[in-house]
Amino acid sequence: MAIALDTVTIDTLDPKPLAEWWGRHLDGEVTAHSDGFVQVALGGLTLFFVAVPDPTPGKNKFHFDLTATDREAAKSEMVADGATLIREQTQDGFTWTTLADPDGNLFDLTQANGK
């Protein structure tokens, strides 16, 4: 039996702007939507943004780890578009940036070569 990751679902109060934000930054395409959800295709993975009346409070239990060919430029672009810089970290020679999307969901951004 093979299991494959197909969809990541993100709870939010307002799915459309958050789905559009992630679609812009991950080169995704909105492939379906209604008043209660927006679906964004990212190649072989789907992000599903669903409206819920009370998103889970506090720190998210899992997060995206993203890589960029130019981490500093990607960080600046995302912050200019509504992300919040949380912190810069370096451990064992590996550097990453922790940001929050416009809904406050944390994610990490690294340089494609790990620096």
PDB file of N, CA and C in Angstrom:
ATOM      1  N   MET A   1       0.849  -1.177   0.000  1.00  0.00           N
ATOM      2  CA  MET A   1       0.000   0.000   0.000  1.00  0.00           C
ATOM      3  C   MET A   1       0.893   1.238   0.000  1.00  0.00           C
ATOM      4  N   ALA A   2       0.650   2.137  -0.921  1.00  0.00           N
ATOM      5  CA  ALA A   2       1.402   3.393  -1.003  1.00  0.00           C
ATOM      6  C   ALA A   2       0.521   4.546  -0.539  1.00  0.00           C
ATOM      7  N   ILE A   3       1.105   5.433   0.224  1.00  0.00           N
ATOM      8  CA  ILE A   3       0.404   6.631   0.685  1.00  0.00           C
ATOM      9  C   ILE A   3       1.168   7.830   0.172  1.00  0.00           C
ATOM     10  N   ALA A   4       0.446   8.814  -0.351  1.00  0.00           N
ATOM     11  CA  ALA A   4       1.076  10.018  -0.882  1.00  0.00           C
ATOM     12  C   ALA A   4       0.382  11.257  -0.334  1.00  0.00           C
ATOM     13  N   LEU A   5       1.141  12.288  -0.081  1.00  0.00           N
ATOM     14  CA  LEU A   5       0.570  13.563   0.342  1.00  0.00           C
ATOM     15  C   LEU A   5      -0.088  14.221  -0.861  1.00  0.00           C
ATOM     16  N   ASP A   6      -1.349  14.578  -0.720  1.00  0.00           N
ATOM     17  CA  ASP A   6      -2.123  15.134  -1.818  1.00  0.00           C
ATOM     18  C   ASP A   6      -2.529  16.577  -1.546  1.00  0.00           C
ATOM     19  N   THR A   7      -2.997  16.854  -0.328  1.00  0.00           N
ATOM     20  CA  THR A   7      -3.572  18.154  -0.001  1.00  0.00           C
ATOM     21  C   THR A   7      -3.152  18.570   1.401  1.00  0.00           C
ATOM     22  N   VAL A   8      -2.855  19.839   1.565  1.00  0.00           N
ATOM     23  CA  VAL A   8      -2.660  20.430   2.885  1.00  0.00           C
ATOM     24  C   VAL A   8      -3.806  21.407   3.083  1.00  0.00           C
ATOM     25  N   THR A   9      -4.561  21.243   4.179  1.00  0.00           N
ATOM     26  CA  THR A   9      -5.714  22.086   4.456  1.00  0.00           C
ATOM     27  C   THR A   9      -5.359  23.106   5.518  1.00  0.00           C
ATOM     28  N   ILE A  10      -5.692  24.360   5.256  1.00  0.00           N
ATOM     29  CA  ILE A  10      -5.400  25.459   6.161  1.00  0.00           C
ATOM     30  C   ILE A  10      -6.717  26.110   6.560  1.00  0.00           C
ATOM     31  N   ASP A  11      -6.996  26.130   7.867  1.00  0.00           N
ATOM     32  CA  ASP A  11      -8.189  26.790   8.392  1.00  0.00           C
ATOM     33  C   ASP A  11      -7.950  28.294   8.469  1.00  0.00           C
ATOM     34  N   THR A  12      -8.967  29.077   8.132  1.00  0.00           N
ATOM     35  CA  THR A  12      -8.853  30.523   8.156  1.00  0.00           C
ATOM     36  C   THR A  12     -10.249  31.133   8.265  1.00  0.00           C
ATOM     37  N   LEU A  13     -10.305  32.363   8.704  1.00  0.00           N
ATOM     38  CA  LEU A  13     -11.594  33.066   8.738  1.00  0.00           C
ATOM     39  C   LEU A  13     -12.038  33.478   7.340  1.00  0.00           C
ATOM     40  N   ASP A  14     -11.075  33.808   6.468  1.00  0.00           N
ATOM     41  CA  ASP A  14     -11.379  34.318   5.132  1.00  0.00           C
ATOM     42  C   ASP A  14     -10.442  33.662   4.117  1.00  0.00           C
ATOM     43  N   PRO A  15     -10.850  32.574   3.472  1.00  0.00           N
ATOM     44  CA  PRO A  15      -9.943  31.795   2.639  1.00  0.00           C
ATOM     45  C   PRO A  15      -9.410  32.495   1.385  1.00  0.00           C
ATOM     46  N   LYS A  16     -10.183  33.359   0.778  1.00  0.00           N
ATOM     47  CA  LYS A  16      -9.773  33.934  -0.512  1.00  0.00           C
ATOM     48  C   LYS A  16      -8.467  34.734  -0.424  1.00  0.00           C
ATOM     49  N   PRO A  17      -8.343  35.733   0.467  1.00  0.00           N
ATOM     50  CA  PRO A  17      -7.091  36.489   0.461  1.00  0.00           C
ATOM     51  C   PRO A  17      -5.880  35.663   0.884  1.00  0.00           C
ATOM     52  N   LEU A  18      -6.063  34.728   1.817  1.00  0.00           N
ATOM     53  CA  LEU A  18      -4.931  33.911   2.238  1.00  0.00           C
ATOM     54  C   LEU A  18      -4.513  32.954   1.123  1.00  0.00           C
ATOM     55  N   ALA A  19      -5.466  32.362   0.421  1.00  0.00           N
ATOM     56  CA  ALA A  19      -5.149  31.480  -0.707  1.00  0.00           C
ATOM     57  C   ALA A  19      -4.444  32.254  -1.818  1.00  0.00           C
ATOM     58  N   GLU A  20      -4.919  33.449  -2.103  1.00  0.00           N
ATOM     59  CA  GLU A  20      -4.278  34.269  -3.136  1.00  0.00           C
ATOM     60  C   GLU A  20      -2.853  34.642  -2.728  1.00  0.00           C
ATOM     61  N   TRP A  21      -2.636  34.937  -1.453  1.00  0.00           N
ATOM     62  CA  TRP A  21      -1.302  35.300  -0.962  1.00  0.00           C
ATOM     63  C   TRP A  21      -0.333  34.141  -1.166  1.00  0.00           C
ATOM     64  N   TRP A  22      -0.726  32.934  -0.713  1.00  0.00           N
ATOM     65  CA  TRP A  22       0.138  31.776  -0.890  1.00  0.00           C
ATOM     66  C   TRP A  22       0.299  31.424  -2.371  1.00  0.00           C
ATOM     67  N   GLY A  23      -0.755  31.567  -3.146  1.00  0.00           N
ATOM     68  CA  GLY A  23      -0.655  31.301  -4.580  1.00  0.00           C
ATOM     69  C   GLY A  23       0.378  32.190  -5.259  1.00  0.00           C
ATOM     70  N   ARG A  24       0.398  33.470  -4.879  1.00  0.00           N
ATOM     71  CA  ARG A  24       1.395  34.399  -5.445  1.00  0.00           C
ATOM     72  C   ARG A  24       2.817  33.964  -5.106  1.00  0.00           C
ATOM     73  N   HIS A  25       3.037  33.539  -3.883  1.00  0.00           N
ATOM     74  CA  HIS A  25       4.400  33.267  -3.432  1.00  0.00           C
ATOM     75  C   HIS A  25       4.883  31.854  -3.739  1.00  0.00           C
ATOM     76  N   LEU A  26       3.971  30.959  -4.059  1.00  0.00           N
ATOM     77  CA  LEU A  26       4.367  29.596  -4.412  1.00  0.00           C
ATOM     78  C   LEU A  26       4.047  29.262  -5.861  1.00  0.00           C
ATOM     79  N   ASP A  27       3.738  30.294  -6.643  1.00  0.00           N
ATOM     80  CA  ASP A  27       3.426  30.117  -8.064  1.00  0.00           C
ATOM     81  C   ASP A  27       2.302  29.103  -8.260  1.00  0.00           C
ATOM     82  N   GLY A  28       1.252  29.263  -7.435  1.00  0.00           N
ATOM     83  CA  GLY A  28       0.112  28.356  -7.507  1.00  0.00           C
ATOM     84  C   GLY A  28      -1.023  28.950  -8.310  1.00  0.00           C
ATOM     85  N   GLU A  29      -1.976  28.100  -8.625  1.00  0.00           N
ATOM     86  CA  GLU A  29      -3.138  28.511  -9.412  1.00  0.00           C
ATOM     87  C   GLU A  29      -4.417  28.124  -8.668  1.00  0.00           C
ATOM     88  N   VAL A  30      -5.321  29.095  -8.522  1.00  0.00           N
ATOM     89  CA  VAL A  30      -6.630  28.791  -7.932  1.00  0.00           C
ATOM     90  C   VAL A  30      -7.383  27.909  -8.927  1.00  0.00           C
ATOM     91  N   THR A  31      -7.758  26.710  -8.472  1.00  0.00           N
ATOM     92  CA  THR A  31      -8.427  25.768  -9.376  1.00  0.00           C
ATOM     93  C   THR A  31      -9.880  25.521  -8.999  1.00  0.00           C
ATOM     94  N   ALA A  32     -10.281  25.937  -7.800  1.00  0.00           N
ATOM     95  CA  ALA A  32     -11.678  25.807  -7.380  1.00  0.00           C
ATOM     96  C   ALA A  32     -11.913  26.757  -6.224  1.00  0.00           C
ATOM     97  N   HIS A  33     -13.164  27.230  -6.103  1.00  0.00           N
ATOM     98  CA  HIS A  33     -13.484  28.103  -4.983  1.00  0.00           C
ATOM     99  C   HIS A  33     -14.992  28.186  -4.800  1.00  0.00           C
ATOM    100  N   SER A  34     -15.356  28.547  -3.575  1.00  0.00           N
ATOM    101  CA  SER A  34     -16.751  28.827  -3.235  1.00  0.00           C
ATOM    102  C   SER A  34     -16.704  29.816  -2.083  1.00  0.00           C
ATOM    103  N   ASP A  35     -17.835  30.088  -1.471  1.00  0.00           N
ATOM    104  CA  ASP A  35     -17.840  30.984  -0.319  1.00  0.00           C
ATOM    105  C   ASP A  35     -17.053  30.405   0.847  1.00  0.00           C
ATOM    106  N   GLY A  36     -16.949  29.086   0.941  1.00  0.00           N
ATOM    107  CA  GLY A  36     -16.333  28.458   2.095  1.00  0.00           C
ATOM    108  C   GLY A  36     -14.946  27.901   1.908  1.00  0.00           C
ATOM    109  N   PHE A  37     -14.441  27.885   0.676  1.00  0.00           N
ATOM    110  CA  PHE A  37     -13.103  27.344   0.462  1.00  0.00           C
ATOM    111  C   PHE A  37     -12.479  27.892  -0.809  1.00  0.00           C
ATOM    112  N   VAL A  38     -11.152  27.795  -0.876  1.00  0.00           N
ATOM    113  CA  VAL A  38     -10.400  28.090  -2.097  1.00  0.00           C
ATOM    114  C   VAL A  38      -9.323  27.023  -2.208  1.00  0.00           C
ATOM    115  N   GLN A  39      -9.199  26.457  -3.394  1.00  0.00           N
ATOM    116  CA  GLN A  39      -8.211  25.419  -3.666  1.00  0.00           C
ATOM    117  C   GLN A  39      -7.116  25.997  -4.558  1.00  0.00           C
ATOM    118  N   VAL A  40      -5.849  25.765  -4.176  1.00  0.00           N
ATOM    119  CA  VAL A  40      -4.709  26.257  -4.944  1.00  0.00           C
ATOM    120  C   VAL A  40      -3.850  25.063  -5.336  1.00  0.00           C
ATOM    121  N   ALA A  41      -3.603  24.891  -6.628  1.00  0.00           N
ATOM    122  CA  ALA A  41      -2.777  23.799  -7.132  1.00  0.00           C
ATOM    123  C   ALA A  41      -1.323  24.262  -7.215  1.00  0.00           C
ATOM    124  N   LEU A  42      -0.438  23.423  -6.695  1.00  0.00           N
ATOM    125  CA  LEU A  42       1.009  23.682  -6.732  1.00  0.00           C
ATOM    126  C   LEU A  42       1.688  22.480  -7.375  1.00  0.00           C
ATOM    127  N   GLY A  43       1.541  22.308  -8.645  1.00  0.00           N
ATOM    128  CA  GLY A  43       2.103  21.115  -9.268  1.00  0.00           C
ATOM    129  C   GLY A  43       1.365  19.889  -8.766  1.00  0.00           C
ATOM    130  N   GLY A  44       2.071  18.997  -8.040  1.00  0.00           N
ATOM    131  CA  GLY A  44       1.457  17.769  -7.553  1.00  0.00           C
ATOM    132  C   GLY A  44       0.819  17.878  -6.181  1.00  0.00           C
ATOM    133  N   LEU A  45       0.832  19.053  -5.586  1.00  0.00           N
ATOM    134  CA  LEU A  45       0.272  19.246  -4.250  1.00  0.00           C
ATOM    135  C   LEU A  45      -0.830  20.292  -4.315  1.00  0.00           C
ATOM    136  N   THR A  46      -1.854  20.124  -3.495  1.00  0.00           N
ATOM    137  CA  THR A  46      -2.947  21.080  -3.419  1.00  0.00           C
ATOM    138  C   THR A  46      -2.999  21.690  -2.029  1.00  0.00           C
ATOM    139  N   LEU A  47      -3.163  23.005  -1.985  1.00  0.00           N
ATOM    140  CA  LEU A  47      -3.455  23.699  -0.729  1.00  0.00           C
ATOM    141  C   LEU A  47      -4.942  23.994  -0.733  1.00  0.00           C
ATOM    142  N   PHE A  48      -5.600  23.665   0.367  1.00  0.00           N
ATOM    143  CA  PHE A  48      -7.044  23.835   0.479  1.00  0.00           C
ATOM    144  C   PHE A  48      -7.297  24.768   1.658  1.00  0.00           C
ATOM    145  N   PHE A  49      -7.772  25.976   1.381  1.00  0.00           N
ATOM    146  CA  PHE A  49      -8.045  26.984   2.397  1.00  0.00           C
ATOM    147  C   PHE A  49      -9.536  26.952   2.690  1.00  0.00           C
ATOM    148  N   VAL A  50      -9.883  26.650   3.922  1.00  0.00           N
ATOM    149  CA  VAL A  50     -11.287  26.465   4.268  1.00  0.00           C
ATOM    150  C   VAL A  50     -11.690  27.443   5.368  1.00  0.00           C
ATOM    151  N   ALA A  51     -12.878  28.026   5.203  1.00  0.00           N
ATOM    152  CA  ALA A  51     -13.411  28.965   6.188  1.00  0.00           C
ATOM    153  C   ALA A  51     -13.911  28.190   7.407  1.00  0.00           C
ATOM    154  N   VAL A  52     -13.426  28.606   8.562  1.00  0.00           N
ATOM    155  CA  VAL A  52     -13.899  28.044   9.820  1.00  0.00           C
ATOM    156  C   VAL A  52     -14.216  29.208  10.753  1.00  0.00           C
ATOM    157  N   PRO A  53     -15.183  29.049  11.630  1.00  0.00           N
ATOM    158  CA  PRO A  53     -15.559  30.159  12.505  1.00  0.00           C
ATOM    159  C   PRO A  53     -14.540  30.447  13.601  1.00  0.00           C
ATOM    160  N   ASP A  54     -13.669  29.463  13.930  1.00  0.00           N
ATOM    161  CA  ASP A  54     -12.734  29.637  15.024  1.00  0.00           C
ATOM    162  C   ASP A  54     -11.449  28.868  14.730  1.00  0.00           C
ATOM    163  N   PRO A  55     -10.501  29.456  13.954  1.00  0.00           N
ATOM    164  CA  PRO A  55      -9.247  28.752  13.674  1.00  0.00           C
ATOM    165  C   PRO A  55      -8.515  28.415  14.974  1.00  0.00           C
ATOM    166  N   THR A  56      -7.755  27.346  14.938  1.00  0.00           N
ATOM    167  CA  THR A  56      -7.000  26.904  16.104  1.00  0.00           C
ATOM    168  C   THR A  56      -6.103  28.026  16.609  1.00  0.00           C
ATOM    169  N   PRO A  57      -6.215  28.374  17.888  1.00  0.00           N
ATOM    170  CA  PRO A  57      -5.381  29.454  18.420  1.00  0.00           C
ATOM    171  C   PRO A  57      -3.964  28.977  18.716  1.00  0.00           C
ATOM    172  N   GLY A  58      -3.041  29.912  18.880  1.00  0.00           N
ATOM    173  CA  GLY A  58      -1.674  29.587  19.275  1.00  0.00           C
ATOM    174  C   GLY A  58      -0.805  29.169  18.106  1.00  0.00           C
ATOM    175  N   LYS A  59       0.368  28.660  18.430  1.00  0.00           N
ATOM    176  CA  LYS A  59       1.360  28.266  17.432  1.00  0.00           C
ATOM    177  C   LYS A  59       0.848  27.070  16.633  1.00  0.00           C
ATOM    178  N   ASN A  60       1.011  27.169  15.299  1.00  0.00           N
ATOM    179  CA  ASN A  60       0.601  26.041  14.470  1.00  0.00           C
ATOM    180  C   ASN A  60       1.499  24.829  14.770  1.00  0.00           C
ATOM    181  N   LYS A  61       0.931  23.623  14.672  1.00  0.00           N
ATOM    182  CA  LYS A  61       1.658  22.412  15.039  1.00  0.00           C
ATOM    183  C   LYS A  61       2.557  21.896  13.930  1.00  0.00           C
ATOM    184  N   PHE A  62       2.358  22.335  12.719  1.00  0.00           N
ATOM    185  CA  PHE A  62       3.287  22.034  11.640  1.00  0.00           C
ATOM    186  C   PHE A  62       3.380  23.272  10.768  1.00  0.00           C
ATOM    187  N   HIS A  63       4.413  23.317   9.931  1.00  0.00           N
ATOM    188  CA  HIS A  63       4.608  24.511   9.123  1.00  0.00           C
ATOM    189  C   HIS A  63       5.298  24.153   7.817  1.00  0.00           C
ATOM    190  N   PHE A  64       5.232  25.076   6.882  1.00  0.00           N
ATOM    191  CA  PHE A  64       5.936  24.911   5.622  1.00  0.00           C
ATOM    192  C   PHE A  64       7.404  25.262   5.813  1.00  0.00           C
ATOM    193  N   ASP A  65       8.301  24.503   5.207  1.00  0.00           N
ATOM    194  CA  ASP A  65       9.706  24.860   5.057  1.00  0.00           C
ATOM    195  C   ASP A  65       9.915  25.131   3.575  1.00  0.00           C
ATOM    196  N   LEU A  66      10.221  26.369   3.247  1.00  0.00           N
ATOM    197  CA  LEU A  66      10.381  26.785   1.860  1.00  0.00           C
ATOM    198  C   LEU A  66      11.851  27.069   1.569  1.00  0.00           C
ATOM    199  N   THR A  67      12.263  26.856   0.320  1.00  0.00           N
ATOM    200  CA  THR A  67      13.601  27.238  -0.109  1.00  0.00           C
ATOM    201  C   THR A  67      13.476  28.261  -1.225  1.00  0.00           C
ATOM    202  N   ALA A  68      14.461  29.138  -1.309  1.00  0.00           N
ATOM    203  CA  ALA A  68      14.482  30.165  -2.355  1.00  0.00           C
ATOM    204  C   ALA A  68      15.902  30.284  -2.882  1.00  0.00           C
ATOM    205  N   THR A  69      16.038  30.619  -4.150  1.00  0.00           N
ATOM    206  CA  THR A  69      17.374  30.828  -4.706  1.00  0.00           C
ATOM    207  C   THR A  69      18.014  32.078  -4.116  1.00  0.00           C
ATOM    208  N   ASP A  70      17.195  33.033  -3.669  1.00  0.00           N
ATOM    209  CA  ASP A  70      17.683  34.233  -3.000  1.00  0.00           C
ATOM    210  C   ASP A  70      16.786  34.481  -1.782  1.00  0.00           C
ATOM    211  N   ARG A  71      17.196  33.947  -0.640  1.00  0.00           N
ATOM    212  CA  ARG A  71      16.374  34.019   0.579  1.00  0.00           C
ATOM    213  C   ARG A  71      16.070  35.456   0.966  1.00  0.00           C
ATOM    214  N   GLU A  72      17.047  36.344   0.898  1.00  0.00           N
ATOM    215  CA  GLU A  72      16.844  37.737   1.299  1.00  0.00           C
ATOM    216  C   GLU A  72      15.806  38.426   0.412  1.00  0.00           C
ATOM    217  N   ALA A  73      15.889  38.200  -0.894  1.00  0.00           N
ATOM    218  CA  ALA A  73      14.917  38.813  -1.812  1.00  0.00           C
ATOM    219  C   ALA A  73      13.521  38.240  -1.579  1.00  0.00           C
ATOM    220  N   ALA A  74      13.427  36.924  -1.389  1.00  0.00           N
ATOM    221  CA  ALA A  74      12.124  36.293  -1.143  1.00  0.00           C
ATOM    222  C   ALA A  74      11.531  36.808   0.166  1.00  0.00           C
ATOM    223  N   LYS A  75      12.364  36.920   1.201  1.00  0.00           N
ATOM    224  CA  LYS A  75      11.897  37.432   2.492  1.00  0.00           C
ATOM    225  C   LYS A  75      11.367  38.850   2.328  1.00  0.00           C
ATOM    226  N   SER A  76      12.107  39.709   1.657  1.00  0.00           N
ATOM    227  CA  SER A  76      11.676  41.099   1.454  1.00  0.00           C
ATOM    228  C   SER A  76      10.367  41.176   0.690  1.00  0.00           C
ATOM    229  N   GLU A  77      10.224  40.353  -0.348  1.00  0.00           N
ATOM    230  CA  GLU A  77       8.996  40.345  -1.153  1.00  0.00           C
ATOM    231  C   GLU A  77       7.795  39.902  -0.312  1.00  0.00           C
ATOM    232  N   MET A  78       7.984  38.862   0.479  1.00  0.00           N
ATOM    233  CA  MET A  78       6.880  38.352   1.289  1.00  0.00           C
ATOM    234  C   MET A  78       6.484  39.348   2.382  1.00  0.00           C
ATOM    235  N   VAL A  79       7.465  39.978   3.017  1.00  0.00           N
ATOM    236  CA  VAL A  79       7.164  40.977   4.046  1.00  0.00           C
ATOM    237  C   VAL A  79       6.448  42.171   3.421  1.00  0.00           C
ATOM    238  N   ALA A  80       6.891  42.599   2.253  1.00  0.00           N
ATOM    239  CA  ALA A  80       6.230  43.721   1.570  1.00  0.00           C
ATOM    240  C   ALA A  80       4.785  43.376   1.201  1.00  0.00           C
ATOM    241  N   ASP A  81       4.497  42.075   1.062  1.00  0.00           N
ATOM    242  CA  ASP A  81       3.156  41.630   0.685  1.00  0.00           C
ATOM    243  C   ASP A  81       2.336  41.159   1.885  1.00  0.00           C
ATOM    244  N   GLY A  82       2.785  41.454   3.107  1.00  0.00           N
ATOM    245  CA  GLY A  82       1.955  41.178   4.271  1.00  0.00           C
ATOM    246  C   GLY A  82       2.462  40.143   5.252  1.00  0.00           C
ATOM    247  N   ALA A  83       3.577  39.479   4.965  1.00  0.00           N
ATOM    248  CA  ALA A  83       4.147  38.542   5.940  1.00  0.00           C
ATOM    249  C   ALA A  83       4.800  39.332   7.066  1.00  0.00           C
ATOM    250  N   THR A  84       4.984  38.688   8.206  1.00  0.00           N
ATOM    251  CA  THR A  84       5.659  39.288   9.344  1.00  0.00           C
ATOM    252  C   THR A  84       6.947  38.531   9.615  1.00  0.00           C
ATOM    253  N   LEU A  85       8.048  39.269   9.736  1.00  0.00           N
ATOM    254  CA  LEU A  85       9.326  38.661  10.086  1.00  0.00           C
ATOM    255  C   LEU A  85       9.288  38.315  11.573  1.00  0.00           C
ATOM    256  N   ILE A  86       9.506  37.047  11.895  1.00  0.00           N
ATOM    257  CA  ILE A  86       9.507  36.600  13.286  1.00  0.00           C
ATOM    258  C   ILE A  86      10.937  36.574  13.825  1.00  0.00           C
ATOM    259  N   ARG A  87      11.847  35.901  13.125  1.00  0.00           N
ATOM    260  CA  ARG A  87      13.245  35.857  13.567  1.00  0.00           C
ATOM    261  C   ARG A  87      14.133  35.240  12.489  1.00  0.00           C
ATOM    262  N   GLU A  88      15.417  35.557  12.588  1.00  0.00           N
ATOM    263  CA  GLU A  88      16.470  34.936  11.787  1.00  0.00           C
ATOM    264  C   GLU A  88      17.192  33.971  12.710  1.00  0.00           C
ATOM    265  N   GLN A  89      17.531  32.782  12.211  1.00  0.00           N
ATOM    266  CA  GLN A  89      18.188  31.797  13.055  1.00  0.00           C
ATOM    267  C   GLN A  89      19.333  31.130  12.309  1.00  0.00           C
ATOM    268  N   THR A  90      20.380  30.800  13.029  1.00  0.00           N
ATOM    269  CA  THR A  90      21.484  30.023  12.483  1.00  0.00           C
ATOM    270  C   THR A  90      21.841  28.959  13.501  1.00  0.00           C
ATOM    271  N   GLN A  91      21.944  27.736  13.017  1.00  0.00           N
ATOM    272  CA  GLN A  91      22.335  26.629  13.885  1.00  0.00           C
ATOM    273  C   GLN A  91      23.194  25.674  13.082  1.00  0.00           C
ATOM    274  N   ASP A  92      24.341  25.353  13.612  1.00  0.00           N
ATOM    275  CA  ASP A  92      25.276  24.427  12.952  1.00  0.00           C
ATOM    276  C   ASP A  92      25.573  24.857  11.522  1.00  0.00           C
ATOM    277  N   GLY A  93      25.711  26.170  11.289  1.00  0.00           N
ATOM    278  CA  GLY A  93      26.032  26.698   9.967  1.00  0.00           C
ATOM    279  C   GLY A  93      24.854  26.791   9.016  1.00  0.00           C
ATOM    280  N   PHE A  94      23.672  26.430   9.468  1.00  0.00           N
ATOM    281  CA  PHE A  94      22.460  26.474   8.635  1.00  0.00           C
ATOM    282  C   PHE A  94      21.619  27.667   9.072  1.00  0.00           C
ATOM    283  N   THR A  95      21.264  28.537   8.129  1.00  0.00           N
ATOM    284  CA  THR A  95      20.506  29.745   8.437  1.00  0.00           C
ATOM    285  C   THR A  95      19.114  29.671   7.827  1.00  0.00           C
ATOM    286  N   TRP A  96      18.127  30.119   8.601  1.00  0.00           N
ATOM    287  CA  TRP A  96      16.763  30.190   8.087  1.00  0.00           C
ATOM    288  C   TRP A  96      16.053  31.387   8.698  1.00  0.00           C
ATOM    289  N   THR A  97      14.981  31.772   8.031  1.00  0.00           N
ATOM    290  CA  THR A  97      14.151  32.886   8.476  1.00  0.00           C
ATOM    291  C   THR A  97      12.777  32.333   8.818  1.00  0.00           C
ATOM    292  N   THR A  98      12.260  32.695   9.983  1.00  0.00           N
ATOM    293  CA  THR A  98      10.895  32.332  10.349  1.00  0.00           C
ATOM    294  C   THR A  98      10.013  33.552  10.125  1.00  0.00           C
ATOM    295  N   LEU A  99       8.940  33.344   9.370  1.00  0.00           N
ATOM    296  CA  LEU A  99       7.974  34.391   9.073  1.00  0.00           C
ATOM    297  C   LEU A  99       6.579  33.897   9.435  1.00  0.00           C
ATOM    298  N   ALA A 100       5.620  34.816   9.425  1.00  0.00           N
ATOM    299  CA  ALA A 100       4.215  34.459   9.594  1.00  0.00           C
ATOM    300  C   ALA A 100       3.452  35.002   8.392  1.00  0.00           C
ATOM    301  N   ASP A 101       2.540  34.201   7.844  1.00  0.00           N
ATOM    302  CA  ASP A 101       1.715  34.675   6.732  1.00  0.00           C
ATOM    303  C   ASP A 101       0.700  35.695   7.265  1.00  0.00           C
ATOM    304  N   PRO A 102      -0.117  36.295   6.404  1.00  0.00           N
ATOM    305  CA  PRO A 102      -1.066  37.318   6.880  1.00  0.00           C
ATOM    306  C   PRO A 102      -2.069  36.830   7.936  1.00  0.00           C
ATOM    307  N   ASP A 103      -2.259  35.517   8.056  1.00  0.00           N
ATOM    308  CA  ASP A 103      -3.140  34.977   9.096  1.00  0.00           C
ATOM    309  C   ASP A 103      -2.375  34.598  10.362  1.00  0.00           C
ATOM    310  N   GLY A 104      -1.059  34.772  10.363  1.00  0.00           N
ATOM    311  CA  GLY A 104      -0.251  34.452  11.535  1.00  0.00           C
ATOM    312  C   GLY A 104       0.319  33.045  11.555  1.00  0.00           C
ATOM    313  N   ASN A 105       0.145  32.269  10.464  1.00  0.00           N
ATOM    314  CA  ASN A 105       0.710  30.923  10.384  1.00  0.00           C
ATOM    315  C   ASN A 105       2.209  31.019  10.146  1.00  0.00           C
ATOM    316  N   LEU A 106       3.005  30.354  10.991  1.00  0.00           N
ATOM    317  CA  LEU A 106       4.460  30.399  10.865  1.00  0.00           C
ATOM    318  C   LEU A 106       4.934  29.523   9.723  1.00  0.00           C
ATOM    319  N   PHE A 107       6.016  29.952   9.073  1.00  0.00           N
ATOM    320  CA  PHE A 107       6.703  29.136   8.080  1.00  0.00           C
ATOM    321  C   PHE A 107       8.164  29.541   8.048  1.00  0.00           C
ATOM    322  N   ASP A 108       9.014  28.658   7.554  1.00  0.00           N
ATOM    323  CA  ASP A 108      10.456  28.929   7.483  1.00  0.00           C
ATOM    324  C   ASP A 108      10.899  29.049   6.041  1.00  0.00           C
ATOM    325  N   LEU A 109      11.902  29.910   5.853  1.00  0.00           N
ATOM    326  CA  LEU A 109      12.454  30.170   4.523  1.00  0.00           C
ATOM    327  C   LEU A 109      13.950  30.009   4.592  1.00  0.00           C
ATOM    328  N   THR A 110      14.501  29.163   3.717  1.00  0.00           N
ATOM    329  CA  THR A 110      15.943  28.940   3.658  1.00  0.00           C
ATOM    330  C   THR A 110      16.454  29.254   2.261  1.00  0.00           C
ATOM    331  N   GLN A 111      17.760  29.382   2.161  1.00  0.00           N
ATOM    332  CA  GLN A 111      18.427  29.511   0.864  1.00  0.00           C
ATOM    333  C   GLN A 111      18.477  28.115   0.259  1.00  0.00           C
ATOM    334  N   ALA A 112      18.320  28.003  -1.033  1.00  0.00           N
ATOM    335  CA  ALA A 112      18.274  26.698  -1.696  1.00  0.00           C
ATOM    336  C   ALA A 112      19.510  25.853  -1.390  1.00  0.00           C
ATOM    337  N   ASN A 113      20.668  26.475  -1.211  1.00  0.00           N
ATOM    338  CA  ASN A 113      21.879  25.719  -0.899  1.00  0.00           C
ATOM    339  C   ASN A 113      22.085  25.546   0.602  1.00  0.00           C
ATOM    340  N   GLY A 114      21.118  25.977   1.420  1.00  0.00           N
ATOM    341  CA  GLY A 114      21.200  25.786   2.862  1.00  0.00           C
ATOM    342  C   GLY A 114      21.899  26.892   3.614  1.00  0.00           C
ATOM    343  N   LYS A 115      22.394  27.902   2.948  1.00  0.00           N
ATOM    344  CA  LYS A 115      23.119  28.999   3.616  1.00  0.00           C
ATOM    345  C   LYS A 115      22.229  30.183   3.866  1.00  0.00           C
TER     346      LYS A 115
END
